[in-house]
Amino acid sequence: MTGGKPAYSGGELWFIGPKQIFLNGCSGRYGPKNSAELNAVVNLFLESGFDVMCPGWDKDTNKPQKYW
């Protein structure tokens, strides 16, 4: 997905349909550092034509939320 370039952020990604994905930032090594980084990843997929479902950022733990 990075074309051989360094990864910006990581997490879990599931394809629900041809252009529908579920993603979160739950990565042990490359997860987003804040909600703005998670939103940037979501927006990248939206701009690429995907319908995106993302549970967002958990303010209590200051980490990406895994599920709703």
Protein backbone atom coordinates (compact mmCIF):
# COMPACT_ATOMS: atom_id res chain seq x y z
CA MET A 1 0.00 0.00 0.00
CA THR A 2 2.90 2.39 0.51
CA GLY A 3 4.60 1.72 -2.80
CA GLY A 4 7.85 0.93 -1.01
CA LYS A 5 7.82 4.17 0.99
CA PRO A 6 7.69 4.40 4.81
CA ALA A 7 4.30 3.86 6.43
CA TYR A 8 2.52 6.91 7.82
CA SER A 9 0.15 5.01 10.07
CA GLY A 10 -1.09 1.49 10.57
CA GLY A 11 -4.04 -0.37 11.97
CA GLU A 12 -6.61 -2.96 11.05
CA LEU A 13 -8.42 -2.82 7.71
CA TRP A 14 -11.23 -5.05 6.47
CA PHE A 15 -12.78 -4.93 3.02
CA ILE A 16 -16.54 -5.24 3.44
CA GLY A 17 -17.26 -4.75 -0.25
CA PRO A 18 -15.38 -3.64 -3.38
CA LYS A 19 -15.28 0.00 -2.20
CA GLN A 20 -16.35 -0.37 1.44
CA ILE A 21 -13.86 -0.69 4.29
CA PHE A 22 -13.76 -0.80 8.06
CA LEU A 23 -10.57 0.59 9.57
CA ASN A 24 -9.15 1.57 12.90
CA GLY A 25 -5.74 2.68 14.07
CA CYS A 26 -5.13 -0.30 16.34
CA SER A 27 -1.55 -1.15 15.48
CA GLY A 28 1.06 -2.17 18.02
CA ARG A 29 3.82 -0.31 16.15
CA TYR A 30 2.46 2.17 13.66
CA GLY A 31 -0.82 3.40 15.09
CA PRO A 32 -1.79 7.06 14.86
CA LYS A 33 -0.51 9.30 17.66
CA ASN A 34 -3.72 11.32 17.91
CA SER A 35 -7.21 11.71 16.48
CA ALA A 36 -5.99 14.08 13.76
CA GLU A 37 -3.68 11.39 12.36
CA LEU A 38 -6.51 8.83 12.40
CA ASN A 39 -8.81 11.30 10.65
CA ALA A 40 -6.12 11.95 8.01
CA VAL A 41 -6.04 8.23 7.17
CA VAL A 42 -9.84 8.05 7.01
CA ASN A 43 -9.89 11.10 4.72
CA LEU A 44 -7.25 9.58 2.44
CA PHE A 45 -9.47 6.54 1.86
CA LEU A 46 -12.57 8.73 1.41
CA GLU A 47 -10.74 10.83 -1.20
CA SER A 48 -9.74 7.59 -2.93
CA GLY A 49 -13.40 6.71 -3.40
CA PHE A 50 -13.99 4.31 -0.50
CA ASP A 51 -16.93 4.27 1.89
CA VAL A 52 -15.23 4.17 5.30
CA MET A 53 -16.47 2.96 8.65
CA CYS A 54 -14.17 3.88 11.54
CA PRO A 55 -14.99 3.71 15.27
CA GLY A 56 -12.88 6.81 15.92
CA TRP A 57 -10.69 7.90 18.79
CA ASP A 58 -11.21 6.90 22.44
CA LYS A 59 -10.70 10.05 24.50
CA ASP A 60 -10.55 8.08 27.77
CA THR A 61 -7.58 5.94 26.71
CA ASN A 62 -6.15 8.44 24.19
CA LYS A 63 -5.92 5.64 21.63
CA PRO A 64 -7.85 4.50 18.56
CA GLN A 65 -11.07 2.76 19.43
CA LYS A 66 -11.11 -0.84 18.22
CA TYR A 67 -14.87 -1.41 17.99
CA TRP A 68 -18.08 0.50 18.62
